[in-house]
PDB file of N, CA and C in Angstrom:
ATOM      1  N   MET A   1       6.167   0.012  10.197  1.00  0.00           N
ATOM      2  CA  MET A   1       6.465   0.308   8.322  1.00  0.00           C
ATOM      3  C   MET A   1       7.730   0.337   8.419  1.00  0.00           C
ATOM      4  N   THR A   2       7.991   0.424   7.159  1.00  0.00           N
ATOM      5  CA  THR A   2       9.529   0.382   6.789  1.00  0.00           C
ATOM      6  C   THR A   2       9.794   2.258   6.777  1.00  0.00           C
ATOM      7  N   PRO A   3      11.066   2.676   7.221  1.00  0.00           N
ATOM      8  CA  PRO A   3      11.579   4.048   6.631  1.00  0.00           C
ATOM      9  C   PRO A   3      10.971   4.513   5.286  1.00  0.00           C
ATOM     10  N   ASN A   4      11.065   3.975   4.408  1.00  0.00           N
ATOM     11  CA  ASN A   4      10.802   4.281   3.299  1.00  0.00           C
ATOM     12  C   ASN A   4       8.907   4.746   2.678  1.00  0.00           C
ATOM     13  N   VAL A   5       8.214   3.860   3.836  1.00  0.00           N
ATOM     14  CA  VAL A   5       6.996   4.031   3.727  1.00  0.00           C
ATOM     15  C   VAL A   5       6.356   5.117   4.603  1.00  0.00           C
ATOM     16  N   GLU A   6       7.137   5.564   5.585  1.00  0.00           N
ATOM     17  CA  GLU A   6       6.812   6.466   6.535  1.00  0.00           C
ATOM     18  C   GLU A   6       7.255   7.724   5.719  1.00  0.00           C
ATOM     19  N   SER A   7       7.872   7.640   4.768  1.00  0.00           N
ATOM     20  CA  SER A   7       8.278   9.092   4.159  1.00  0.00           C
ATOM     21  C   SER A   7       7.139   9.390   3.036  1.00  0.00           C
ATOM     22  N   LEU A   8       6.562   8.254   2.826  1.00  0.00           N
ATOM     23  CA  LEU A   8       5.221   8.695   1.668  1.00  0.00           C
ATOM     24  C   LEU A   8       4.036   9.648   2.265  1.00  0.00           C
ATOM     25  N   ASN A   9       3.523  10.307   1.488  1.00  0.00           N
ATOM     26  CA  ASN A   9       2.449  10.905   1.984  1.00  0.00           C
ATOM     27  C   ASN A   9       1.216   9.956   1.739  1.00  0.00           C
ATOM     28  N   ILE A  10       0.028  10.811   1.993  1.00  0.00           N
ATOM     29  CA  ILE A  10      -1.187  10.049   2.163  1.00  0.00           C
ATOM     30  C   ILE A  10      -1.494   9.497   0.637  1.00  0.00           C
ATOM     31  N   LEU A  11      -1.370  10.328  -0.210  1.00  0.00           N
ATOM     32  CA  LEU A  11      -1.907   9.742  -1.901  1.00  0.00           C
ATOM     33  C   LEU A  11      -0.688   8.615  -2.182  1.00  0.00           C
ATOM     34  N   GLN A  12       0.273   9.001  -1.775  1.00  0.00           N
ATOM     35  CA  GLN A  12       1.547   8.046  -1.890  1.00  0.00           C
ATOM     36  C   GLN A  12       0.790   6.411  -1.673  1.00  0.00           C
ATOM     37  N   ARG A  13       0.394   6.637  -0.113  1.00  0.00           N
ATOM     38  CA  ARG A  13       0.231   5.517   0.610  1.00  0.00           C
ATOM     39  C   ARG A  13      -1.125   4.930   0.210  1.00  0.00           C
ATOM     40  N   VAL A  14      -1.981   5.440  -0.310  1.00  0.00           N
ATOM     41  CA  VAL A  14      -3.313   4.760  -1.171  1.00  0.00           C
ATOM     42  C   VAL A  14      -2.376   4.138  -2.559  1.00  0.00           C
ATOM     43  N   GLN A  15      -1.437   4.804  -3.337  1.00  0.00           N
ATOM     44  CA  GLN A  15      -0.946   4.233  -4.123  1.00  0.00           C
ATOM     45  C   GLN A  15      -0.375   3.056  -4.055  1.00  0.00           C
ATOM     46  N   LEU A  16       0.276   2.936  -2.654  1.00  0.00           N
ATOM     47  CA  LEU A  16       1.366   1.942  -2.045  1.00  0.00           C
ATOM     48  C   LEU A  16       0.131   0.562  -2.098  1.00  0.00           C
ATOM     49  N   ALA A  17      -0.658   0.926  -1.486  1.00  0.00           N
ATOM     50  CA  ALA A  17      -1.820   0.065  -1.087  1.00  0.00           C
ATOM     51  C   ALA A  17      -2.377  -0.435  -2.257  1.00  0.00           C
ATOM     52  N   TRP A  18      -2.717   0.348  -3.275  1.00  0.00           N
ATOM     53  CA  TRP A  18      -3.146  -0.250  -4.701  1.00  0.00           C
ATOM     54  C   TRP A  18      -2.745  -0.941  -4.998  1.00  0.00           C
ATOM     55  N   HIS A  19      -1.494  -1.104  -5.271  1.00  0.00           N
ATOM     56  CA  HIS A  19      -0.218  -1.508  -5.967  1.00  0.00           C
ATOM     57  C   HIS A  19      -0.046  -3.005  -5.192  1.00  0.00           C
ATOM     58  N   LEU A  20       0.048  -2.983  -4.124  1.00  0.00           N
ATOM     59  CA  LEU A  20       0.549  -3.871  -3.328  1.00  0.00           C
ATOM     60  C   LEU A  20      -1.298  -5.246  -3.197  1.00  0.00           C
ATOM     61  N   MET A  21      -2.276  -4.443  -3.099  1.00  0.00           N
ATOM     62  CA  MET A  21      -3.595  -5.431  -3.548  1.00  0.00           C
ATOM     63  C   MET A  21      -3.406  -5.978  -5.024  1.00  0.00           C
ATOM     64  N   ARG A  22      -3.144  -5.679  -5.903  1.00  0.00           N
ATOM     65  CA  ARG A  22      -2.894  -5.994  -7.318  1.00  0.00           C
ATOM     66  C   ARG A  22      -1.902  -7.066  -7.580  1.00  0.00           C
ATOM     67  N   ASP A  23      -1.003  -6.746  -6.831  1.00  0.00           N
ATOM     68  CA  ASP A  23       0.071  -7.532  -7.088  1.00  0.00           C
ATOM     69  C   ASP A  23       0.082  -9.209  -6.944  1.00  0.00           C
ATOM     70  N   ASP A  24       0.468  -9.922  -7.151  1.00  0.00           N
ATOM     71  CA  ASP A  24       0.094 -11.514  -7.221  1.00  0.00           C
ATOM     72  C   ASP A  24       1.458 -11.967  -6.265  1.00  0.00           C
ATOM     73  N   ARG A  25       2.473 -11.533  -5.840  1.00  0.00           N
ATOM     74  CA  ARG A  25       3.378 -11.910  -4.823  1.00  0.00           C
ATOM     75  C   ARG A  25       2.742 -11.396  -3.574  1.00  0.00           C
ATOM     76  N   VAL A  26       2.054 -11.120  -3.728  1.00  0.00           N
ATOM     77  CA  VAL A  26       1.351 -10.861  -2.351  1.00  0.00           C
ATOM     78  C   VAL A  26       0.224 -12.151  -1.751  1.00  0.00           C
ATOM     79  N   ALA A  27       0.362 -12.391  -0.680  1.00  0.00           N
ATOM     80  CA  ALA A  27      -0.476 -13.314  -0.425  1.00  0.00           C
ATOM     81  C   ALA A  27      -1.783 -13.141  -0.414  1.00  0.00           C
ATOM     82  N   PRO A  28      -2.803 -13.958  -0.983  1.00  0.00           N
ATOM     83  CA  PRO A  28      -4.343 -13.573  -1.293  1.00  0.00           C
ATOM     84  C   PRO A  28      -4.783 -13.651   0.231  1.00  0.00           C
ATOM     85  N   TRP A  29      -4.884 -14.298   1.408  1.00  0.00           N
ATOM     86  CA  TRP A  29      -5.220 -13.715   2.465  1.00  0.00           C
ATOM     87  C   TRP A  29      -4.937 -12.297   3.057  1.00  0.00           C
ATOM     88  N   ILE A  30      -4.187 -11.724   3.032  1.00  0.00           N
ATOM     89  CA  ILE A  30      -3.814 -10.565   3.363  1.00  0.00           C
ATOM     90  C   ILE A  30      -4.802  -9.701   2.472  1.00  0.00           C
ATOM     91  N   LYS A  31      -4.809  -9.875   1.372  1.00  0.00           N
ATOM     92  CA  LYS A  31      -5.566  -8.941   0.280  1.00  0.00           C
ATOM     93  C   LYS A  31      -7.335  -9.107   0.827  1.00  0.00           C
ATOM     94  N   ARG A  32      -7.574 -10.438   1.351  1.00  0.00           N
ATOM     95  CA  ARG A  32      -9.088 -10.320   1.506  1.00  0.00           C
ATOM     96  C   ARG A  32      -9.249  -9.985   2.877  1.00  0.00           C
ATOM     97  N   VAL A  33      -8.641 -10.031   3.975  1.00  0.00           N
ATOM     98  CA  VAL A  33      -8.924 -10.058   5.337  1.00  0.00           C
ATOM     99  C   VAL A  33      -9.672  -8.568   5.570  1.00  0.00           C
ATOM    100  N   GLY A  34      -8.803  -7.745   5.010  1.00  0.00           N
ATOM    101  CA  GLY A  34      -8.923  -6.310   5.513  1.00  0.00           C
ATOM    102  C   GLY A  34     -10.328  -5.853   4.724  1.00  0.00           C
ATOM    103  N   PRO A  35     -10.191  -5.999   3.468  1.00  0.00           N
ATOM    104  CA  PRO A  35     -11.295  -5.422   2.710  1.00  0.00           C
ATOM    105  C   PRO A  35     -12.950  -6.143   3.338  1.00  0.00           C
ATOM    106  N   ILE A  36     -12.474  -7.490   3.433  1.00  0.00           N
ATOM    107  CA  ILE A  36     -13.829  -8.155   4.131  1.00  0.00           C
ATOM    108  C   ILE A  36     -14.320  -7.505   5.556  1.00  0.00           C
ATOM    109  N   ALA A  37     -13.370  -7.114   6.172  1.00  0.00           N
ATOM    110  CA  ALA A  37     -13.623  -6.552   7.573  1.00  0.00           C
ATOM    111  C   ALA A  37     -14.459  -5.183   7.506  1.00  0.00           C
ATOM    112  N   ILE A  38     -13.872  -4.486   6.455  1.00  0.00           N
ATOM    113  CA  ILE A  38     -14.259  -3.098   6.455  1.00  0.00           C
ATOM    114  C   ILE A  38     -15.859  -3.304   5.927  1.00  0.00           C
ATOM    115  N   ILE A  39     -16.136  -4.014   4.811  1.00  0.00           N
ATOM    116  CA  ILE A  39     -17.329  -4.189   4.396  1.00  0.00           C
ATOM    117  C   ILE A  39     -18.286  -4.934   5.152  1.00  0.00           C
ATOM    118  N   ALA A  40     -17.899  -5.857   6.304  1.00  0.00           N
ATOM    119  CA  ALA A  40     -18.533  -6.486   7.169  1.00  0.00           C
ATOM    120  C   ALA A  40     -19.299  -5.641   8.181  1.00  0.00           C
ATOM    121  N   TYR A  41     -18.162  -4.472   8.648  1.00  0.00           N
ATOM    122  CA  TYR A  41     -18.701  -3.505   9.780  1.00  0.00           C
ATOM    123  C   TYR A  41     -19.457  -2.188   9.057  1.00  0.00           C
ATOM    124  N   VAL A  42     -19.648  -1.732   7.773  1.00  0.00           N
ATOM    125  CA  VAL A  42     -20.244  -1.177   7.166  1.00  0.00           C
ATOM    126  C   VAL A  42     -21.799  -1.527   6.795  1.00  0.00           C
ATOM    127  N   VAL A  43     -21.704  -2.660   6.514  1.00  0.00           N
ATOM    128  CA  VAL A  43     -23.172  -3.355   6.417  1.00  0.00           C
ATOM    129  C   VAL A  43     -23.651  -3.806   7.761  1.00  0.00           C
ATOM    130  N   SER A  44     -23.277  -3.850   8.406  1.00  0.00           N
ATOM    131  CA  SER A  44     -23.794  -4.466   9.908  1.00  0.00           C
ATOM    132  C   SER A  44     -24.792  -3.626  10.204  1.00  0.00           C
ATOM    133  N   PRO A  45     -25.808  -4.281  10.932  1.00  0.00           N
ATOM    134  CA  PRO A  45     -26.826  -3.463  11.704  1.00  0.00           C
ATOM    135  C   PRO A  45     -26.212  -2.939  12.881  1.00  0.00           C
ATOM    136  N   ILE A  46     -25.013  -3.158  13.242  1.00  0.00           N
ATOM    137  CA  ILE A  46     -24.345  -3.178  14.845  1.00  0.00           C
ATOM    138  C   ILE A  46     -23.461  -1.920  14.164  1.00  0.00           C
ATOM    139  N   ASP A  47     -23.770  -0.708  14.915  1.00  0.00           N
ATOM    140  CA  ASP A  47     -22.717   0.363  14.654  1.00  0.00           C
ATOM    141  C   ASP A  47     -22.505   0.838  16.009  1.00  0.00           C
ATOM    142  N   LEU A  48     -21.219   1.635  16.217  1.00  0.00           N
ATOM    143  CA  LEU A  48     -21.001   2.553  17.101  1.00  0.00           C
ATOM    144  C   LEU A  48     -22.129   3.680  17.267  1.00  0.00           C
ATOM    145  N   ILE A  49     -22.415   4.319  16.158  1.00  0.00           N
ATOM    146  CA  ILE A  49     -23.484   5.639  15.966  1.00  0.00           C
ATOM    147  C   ILE A  49     -24.459   4.796  15.081  1.00  0.00           C
ATOM    148  N   PRO A  50     -25.626   4.746  15.434  1.00  0.00           N
ATOM    149  CA  PRO A  50     -26.770   3.818  14.573  1.00  0.00           C
ATOM    150  C   PRO A  50     -26.952   4.707  13.338  1.00  0.00           C
ATOM    151  N   ASP A  51     -27.158   4.377  12.369  1.00  0.00           N
ATOM    152  CA  ASP A  51     -27.222   4.873  10.892  1.00  0.00           C
ATOM    153  C   ASP A  51     -28.552   5.403  10.664  1.00  0.00           C
ATOM    154  N   ILE A  52     -29.703   5.273  11.747  1.00  0.00           N
ATOM    155  CA  ILE A  52     -30.708   6.230  11.274  1.00  0.00           C
ATOM    156  C   ILE A  52     -30.624   7.824  11.850  1.00  0.00           C
ATOM    157  N   LEU A  53     -29.338   7.691  12.610  1.00  0.00           N
ATOM    158  CA  LEU A  53     -29.221   9.263  12.879  1.00  0.00           C
ATOM    159  C   LEU A  53     -28.448   9.919  11.836  1.00  0.00           C
ATOM    160  N   ILE A  54     -29.437  10.504  11.068  1.00  0.00           N
ATOM    161  CA  ILE A  54     -28.803  11.032   9.736  1.00  0.00           C
ATOM    162  C   ILE A  54     -27.718  12.102   9.949  1.00  0.00           C
ATOM    163  N   GLY A  55     -26.576  11.680   9.332  1.00  0.00           N
ATOM    164  CA  GLY A  55     -25.102  12.648   9.750  1.00  0.00           C
ATOM    165  C   GLY A  55     -24.202  11.914  10.242  1.00  0.00           C
ATOM    166  N   PRO A  56     -24.434  11.900  11.598  1.00  0.00           N
ATOM    167  CA  PRO A  56     -23.510  11.356  12.576  1.00  0.00           C
ATOM    168  C   PRO A  56     -23.235   9.638  12.289  1.00  0.00           C
ATOM    169  N   GLY A  57     -24.686   9.091  11.886  1.00  0.00           N
ATOM    170  CA  GLY A  57     -24.431   7.658  11.775  1.00  0.00           C
ATOM    171  C   GLY A  57     -23.300   7.348  10.174  1.00  0.00           C
ATOM    172  N   GLN A  58     -23.490   8.054   9.585  1.00  0.00           N
ATOM    173  CA  GLN A  58     -22.607   8.058   8.222  1.00  0.00           C
ATOM    174  C   GLN A  58     -21.375   8.077   8.509  1.00  0.00           C
ATOM    175  N   VAL A  59     -20.950   9.541   9.387  1.00  0.00           N
ATOM    176  CA  VAL A  59     -19.417   9.839   9.593  1.00  0.00           C
ATOM    177  C   VAL A  59     -18.935   8.829  10.403  1.00  0.00           C
ATOM    178  N   ASP A  60     -19.619   7.934  11.240  1.00  0.00           N
ATOM    179  CA  ASP A  60     -18.842   6.774  11.949  1.00  0.00           C
ATOM    180  C   ASP A  60     -18.298   5.777  11.056  1.00  0.00           C
ATOM    181  N   ASP A  61     -19.397   5.862   9.950  1.00  0.00           N
ATOM    182  CA  ASP A  61     -18.862   4.365   8.872  1.00  0.00           C
ATOM    183  C   ASP A  61     -17.368   4.928   8.127  1.00  0.00           C
ATOM    184  N   LEU A  62     -17.576   6.430   7.801  1.00  0.00           N
ATOM    185  CA  LEU A  62     -16.679   6.688   6.998  1.00  0.00           C
ATOM    186  C   LEU A  62     -15.133   6.848   8.046  1.00  0.00           C
ATOM    187  N   GLY A  63     -15.378   6.785   9.327  1.00  0.00           N
ATOM    188  CA  GLY A  63     -14.206   6.765  10.143  1.00  0.00           C
ATOM    189  C   GLY A  63     -13.703   5.619  10.389  1.00  0.00           C
ATOM    190  N   VAL A  64     -14.750   4.343  10.442  1.00  0.00           N
ATOM    191  CA  VAL A  64     -14.286   3.255  10.232  1.00  0.00           C
ATOM    192  C   VAL A  64     -13.435   2.785   8.850  1.00  0.00           C
ATOM    193  N   ILE A  65     -13.934   3.451   8.008  1.00  0.00           N
ATOM    194  CA  ILE A  65     -13.224   2.799   6.688  1.00  0.00           C
ATOM    195  C   ILE A  65     -12.015   3.708   6.401  1.00  0.00           C
ATOM    196  N   ALA A  66     -11.883   4.732   6.829  1.00  0.00           N
ATOM    197  CA  ALA A  66     -10.689   5.384   6.918  1.00  0.00           C
ATOM    198  C   ALA A  66      -9.732   4.784   7.973  1.00  0.00           C
ATOM    199  N   ILE A  67      -9.961   4.269   9.167  1.00  0.00           N
ATOM    200  CA  ILE A  67      -9.116   3.632  10.002  1.00  0.00           C
ATOM    201  C   ILE A  67      -8.529   2.181   9.508  1.00  0.00           C
ATOM    202  N   GLY A  68      -9.812   1.386   8.575  1.00  0.00           N
ATOM    203  CA  GLY A  68      -9.739   0.485   8.507  1.00  0.00           C
ATOM    204  C   GLY A  68      -8.551  -0.044   7.249  1.00  0.00           C
ATOM    205  N   LEU A  69      -8.842   1.203   6.350  1.00  0.00           N
ATOM    206  CA  LEU A  69      -7.601   1.390   5.252  1.00  0.00           C
ATOM    207  C   LEU A  69      -6.338   1.373   5.936  1.00  0.00           C
ATOM    208  N   VAL A  70      -6.304   2.518   6.740  1.00  0.00           N
ATOM    209  CA  VAL A  70      -4.647   2.532   7.484  1.00  0.00           C
ATOM    210  C   VAL A  70      -4.195   1.263   7.987  1.00  0.00           C
ATOM    211  N   ILE A  71      -5.219   0.376   8.643  1.00  0.00           N
ATOM    212  CA  ILE A  71      -5.024  -0.775   9.126  1.00  0.00           C
ATOM    213  C   ILE A  71      -4.040  -1.838   7.950  1.00  0.00           C
ATOM    214  N   LEU A  72      -5.208  -1.574   6.991  1.00  0.00           N
ATOM    215  CA  LEU A  72      -4.952  -2.538   5.682  1.00  0.00           C
ATOM    216  C   LEU A  72      -3.400  -2.073   4.878  1.00  0.00           C
ATOM    217  N   LEU A  73      -2.860  -1.059   5.363  1.00  0.00           N
ATOM    218  CA  LEU A  73      -2.115  -0.662   4.483  1.00  0.00           C
ATOM    219  C   LEU A  73      -1.234  -1.221   5.483  1.00  0.00           C
ATOM    220  N   ARG A  74      -0.948  -1.077   6.560  1.00  0.00           N
ATOM    221  CA  ARG A  74       0.235  -1.516   7.591  1.00  0.00           C
ATOM    222  C   ARG A  74       0.084  -3.187   7.840  1.00  0.00           C
ATOM    223  N   MET A  75      -1.306  -3.448   7.401  1.00  0.00           N
ATOM    224  CA  MET A  75      -0.863  -5.183   7.167  1.00  0.00           C
ATOM    225  C   MET A  75      -0.251  -5.414   6.028  1.00  0.00           C
ATOM    226  N   LEU A  76      -0.601  -5.259   4.618  1.00  0.00           N
ATOM    227  CA  LEU A  76       0.176  -5.395   3.552  1.00  0.00           C
ATOM    228  C   LEU A  76       1.709  -5.181   3.857  1.00  0.00           C
ATOM    229  N   VAL A  77       1.930  -3.992   4.205  1.00  0.00           N
ATOM    230  CA  VAL A  77       3.427  -3.855   4.203  1.00  0.00           C
ATOM    231  C   VAL A  77       4.086  -4.540   5.111  1.00  0.00           C
ATOM    232  N   GLN A  78       3.421  -5.017   6.245  1.00  0.00           N
ATOM    233  CA  GLN A  78       4.016  -5.830   7.159  1.00  0.00           C
ATOM    234  C   GLN A  78       4.278  -7.317   6.628  1.00  0.00           C
ATOM    235  N   PHE A  79       3.039  -7.761   5.943  1.00  0.00           N
ATOM    236  CA  PHE A  79       2.996  -9.200   5.529  1.00  0.00           C
ATOM    237  C   PHE A  79       3.436  -9.511   4.222  1.00  0.00           C
ATOM    238  N   ALA A  80       3.665  -8.525   3.374  1.00  0.00           N
ATOM    239  CA  ALA A  80       4.024  -8.804   2.009  1.00  0.00           C
ATOM    240  C   ALA A  80       5.623  -8.668   2.464  1.00  0.00           C
ATOM    241  N   PRO A  81       6.081  -9.249   1.120  1.00  0.00           N
ATOM    242  CA  PRO A  81       7.832  -9.831   0.873  1.00  0.00           C
ATOM    243  C   PRO A  81       8.048  -8.363   0.666  1.00  0.00           C
ATOM    244  N   ALA A  82       9.392  -8.395   1.833  1.00  0.00           N
ATOM    245  CA  ALA A  82      10.033  -6.711   2.115  1.00  0.00           C
ATOM    246  C   ALA A  82      10.080  -6.329   0.347  1.00  0.00           C
ATOM    247  N   GLU A  83      11.013  -6.968  -0.229  1.00  0.00           N
ATOM    248  CA  GLU A  83      11.203  -6.605  -1.582  1.00  0.00           C
ATOM    249  C   GLU A  83      10.299  -6.178  -2.750  1.00  0.00           C
ATOM    250  N   VAL A  84       8.987  -6.602  -2.687  1.00  0.00           N
ATOM    251  CA  VAL A  84       7.850  -6.425  -2.942  1.00  0.00           C
ATOM    252  C   VAL A  84       7.586  -4.554  -2.847  1.00  0.00           C
ATOM    253  N   VAL A  85       7.468  -4.614  -1.212  1.00  0.00           N
ATOM    254  CA  VAL A  85       7.318  -3.166  -0.757  1.00  0.00           C
ATOM    255  C   VAL A  85       8.081  -2.566  -1.106  1.00  0.00           C
ATOM    256  N   GLU A  86       9.519  -2.534  -1.194  1.00  0.00           N
ATOM    257  CA  GLU A  86      10.296  -1.256  -1.389  1.00  0.00           C
ATOM    258  C   GLU A  86      10.224  -1.114  -3.265  1.00  0.00           C
ATOM    259  N   GLU A  87       9.786  -2.293  -3.827  1.00  0.00           N
ATOM    260  CA  GLU A  87      10.066  -2.183  -5.252  1.00  0.00           C
ATOM    261  C   GLU A  87       8.777  -1.173  -5.654  1.00  0.00           C
ATOM    262  N   HIS A  88       7.993  -1.392  -5.222  1.00  0.00           N
ATOM    263  CA  HIS A  88       6.590  -0.321  -5.526  1.00  0.00           C
ATOM    264  C   HIS A  88       6.905   1.107  -4.675  1.00  0.00           C
ATOM    265  N   VAL A  89       7.358   0.808  -3.322  1.00  0.00           N
ATOM    266  CA  VAL A  89       7.873   2.507  -2.936  1.00  0.00           C
ATOM    267  C   VAL A  89       9.091   3.317  -4.181  1.00  0.00           C
ATOM    268  N   SER A  90       9.344   2.208  -4.706  1.00  0.00           N
ATOM    269  CA  SER A  90      10.700   3.011  -5.304  1.00  0.00           C
ATOM    270  C   SER A  90      10.265   3.601  -6.574  1.00  0.00           C
ATOM    271  N   ARG A  91       8.911   2.536  -7.038  1.00  0.00           N
ATOM    272  CA  ARG A  91       8.684   2.982  -8.510  1.00  0.00           C
ATOM    273  C   ARG A  91       7.510   4.475  -8.144  1.00  0.00           C
ATOM    274  N   ILE A  92       6.741   4.427  -6.949  1.00  0.00           N
ATOM    275  CA  ILE A  92       6.073   5.393  -6.503  1.00  0.00           C
ATOM    276  C   ILE A  92       6.778   6.563  -6.209  1.00  0.00           C
ATOM    277  N   LEU A  93       7.937   6.625  -5.786  1.00  0.00           N
ATOM    278  CA  LEU A  93       8.774   8.001  -5.903  1.00  0.00           C
ATOM    279  C   LEU A  93       9.716   7.961  -6.838  1.00  0.00           C
ATOM    280  N   GLY A  94       9.557   7.609  -7.988  1.00  0.00           N
ATOM    281  CA  GLY A  94      10.275   7.459  -9.005  1.00  0.00           C
ATOM    282  C   GLY A  94      11.540   7.035  -9.452  1.00  0.00           C
ATOM    283  N   ARG A  95      12.170   6.613  -8.544  1.00  0.00           N
ATOM    284  CA  ARG A  95      13.751   5.691  -8.159  1.00  0.00           C
ATOM    285  C   ARG A  95      13.804   4.417  -8.688  1.00  0.00           C
ATOM    286  N   PRO A  96      14.629   4.174  -9.582  1.00  0.00           N
ATOM    287  CA  PRO A  96      15.036   2.773  -9.994  1.00  0.00           C
ATOM    288  C   PRO A  96      14.675   1.956  -8.641  1.00  0.00           C
ATOM    289  N   ALA A  97      14.173   0.607  -8.521  1.00  0.00           N
ATOM    290  CA  ALA A  97      14.042  -0.447  -7.698  1.00  0.00           C
ATOM    291  C   ALA A  97      15.498  -0.816  -7.362  1.00  0.00           C
ATOM    292  N   TRP A  98      16.188  -1.411  -6.393  1.00  0.00           N
ATOM    293  CA  TRP A  98      17.009  -1.865  -5.970  1.00  0.00           C
ATOM    294  C   TRP A  98      17.026  -3.338  -7.244  1.00  0.00           C
ATOM    295  N   GLY A  99      18.373  -3.206  -7.612  1.00  0.00           N
ATOM    296  CA  GLY A  99      18.775  -4.237  -8.303  1.00  0.00           C
ATOM    297  C   GLY A  99      18.173  -4.253  -9.978  1.00  0.00           C
ATOM    298  N   ALA A 100      17.269  -3.173  -9.915  1.00  0.00           N
ATOM    299  CA  ALA A 100      16.559  -2.900 -11.421  1.00  0.00           C
ATOM    300  C   ALA A 100      17.684  -2.305 -12.302  1.00  0.00           C
ATOM    301  N   THR A 101      17.837  -2.888 -13.523  1.00  0.00           N
ATOM    302  CA  THR A 101      18.751  -2.662 -14.619  1.00  0.00           C
ATOM    303  C   THR A 101      17.756  -2.018 -15.969  1.00  0.00           C
ATOM    304  N   SER A 102      18.657  -1.526 -16.652  1.00  0.00           N
ATOM    305  CA  SER A 102      17.829  -0.759 -17.714  1.00  0.00           C
ATOM    306  C   SER A 102      17.670  -1.451 -18.835  1.00  0.00           C
ATOM    307  N   GLY A 103      18.021  -3.231 -18.725  1.00  0.00           N
ATOM    308  CA  GLY A 103      18.131  -4.146 -20.043  1.00  0.00           C
ATOM    309  C   GLY A 103      19.269  -3.760 -20.810  1.00  0.00           C
ATOM    310  N   VAL A 104      20.153  -2.360 -20.655  1.00  0.00           N
ATOM    311  CA  VAL A 104      21.062  -2.214 -21.555  1.00  0.00           C
ATOM    312  C   VAL A 104      22.520  -2.911 -20.829  1.00  0.00           C
ATOM    313  N   ASP A 105      23.332  -3.299 -21.433  1.00  0.00           N
ATOM    314  CA  ASP A 105      24.769  -3.852 -20.473  1.00  0.00           C
ATOM    315  C   ASP A 105      25.657  -2.637 -21.068  1.00  0.00           C
ATOM    316  N   ASP A 106      25.570  -2.206 -19.823  1.00  0.00           N
ATOM    317  CA  ASP A 106      26.521  -0.717 -19.773  1.00  0.00           C
ATOM    318  C   ASP A 106      27.802  -1.281 -19.160  1.00  0.00           C
ATOM    319  N   THR A 107      28.965  -0.640 -19.309  1.00  0.00           N
ATOM    320  CA  THR A 107      30.405  -0.842 -18.729  1.00  0.00           C
ATOM    321  C   THR A 107      30.672   0.462 -18.224  1.00  0.00           C
ATOM    322  N   ILE A 108      31.209   0.879 -17.206  1.00  0.00           N
ATOM    323  CA  ILE A 108      32.015   1.864 -16.479  1.00  0.00           C
ATOM    324  C   ILE A 108      33.502   1.368 -16.542  1.00  0.00           C
ATOM    325  N   GLU A 109      33.865   2.658 -17.441  1.00  0.00           N
ATOM    326  CA  GLU A 109      35.338   2.530 -17.726  1.00  0.00           C
ATOM    327  C   GLU A 109      36.280   2.734 -16.826  1.00  0.00           C
ATOM    328  N   THR A 110      37.339   2.831 -16.419  1.00  0.00           N
ATOM    329  CA  THR A 110      38.114   3.636 -15.189  1.00  0.00           C
ATOM    330  C   THR A 110      38.206   4.980 -15.379  1.00  0.00           C
ATOM    331  N   SER A 111      37.906   5.630 -16.248  1.00  0.00           N
ATOM    332  CA  SER A 111      38.059   6.854 -16.854  1.00  0.00           C
ATOM    333  C   SER A 111      36.928   7.563 -16.678  1.00  0.00           C
ATOM    334  N   GLY A 112      35.605   6.851 -16.010  1.00  0.00           N
ATOM    335  CA  GLY A 112      34.425   6.977 -15.680  1.00  0.00           C
ATOM    336  C   GLY A 112      33.456   7.006 -16.922  1.00  0.00           C
ATOM    337  N   ARG A 113      33.710   6.969 -18.203  1.00  0.00           N
ATOM    338  CA  ARG A 113      32.789   6.793 -19.064  1.00  0.00           C
ATOM    339  C   ARG A 113      31.899   5.763 -19.228  1.00  0.00           C
ATOM    340  N   VAL A 114      30.982   5.689 -19.765  1.00  0.00           N
ATOM    341  CA  VAL A 114      30.146   4.524 -20.026  1.00  0.00           C
ATOM    342  C   VAL A 114      29.938   4.144 -21.182  1.00  0.00           C
ATOM    343  N   ARG A 115      30.468   2.744 -21.413  1.00  0.00           N
ATOM    344  CA  ARG A 115      30.695   2.310 -22.458  1.00  0.00           C
ATOM    345  C   ARG A 115      29.407   1.241 -22.679  1.00  0.00           C
ATOM    346  N   ARG A 116      28.679   1.263 -24.046  1.00  0.00           N
ATOM    347  CA  ARG A 116      27.791   0.347 -24.311  1.00  0.00           C
ATOM    348  C   ARG A 116      28.372  -0.566 -25.307  1.00  0.00           C
TER     349      ARG A 116
END
């Protein structure tokens, strides 16, 4: 993962994954593989711990979902265009994205004042 992604807390990482999943600039196959694999394991009759054991059977499913989401985020960050990831990370952290402009043509004079 990029250093900017590493600095995100867990809620911000979930938010990043959500934004990348909804972004049209990210390849569709990336957005399908992870969720399909997670759902396939949860509905599969083959489990690490059988679901008939009330409690541990459901906890192992939750663990696989959590691990699957971590792997999904890593896949999204690795295979999505770097500028798209950086844009979303900047937005989550409340910083302007690199190269973003406010839409106003500002000129900085040599005196340090901003002229509009």
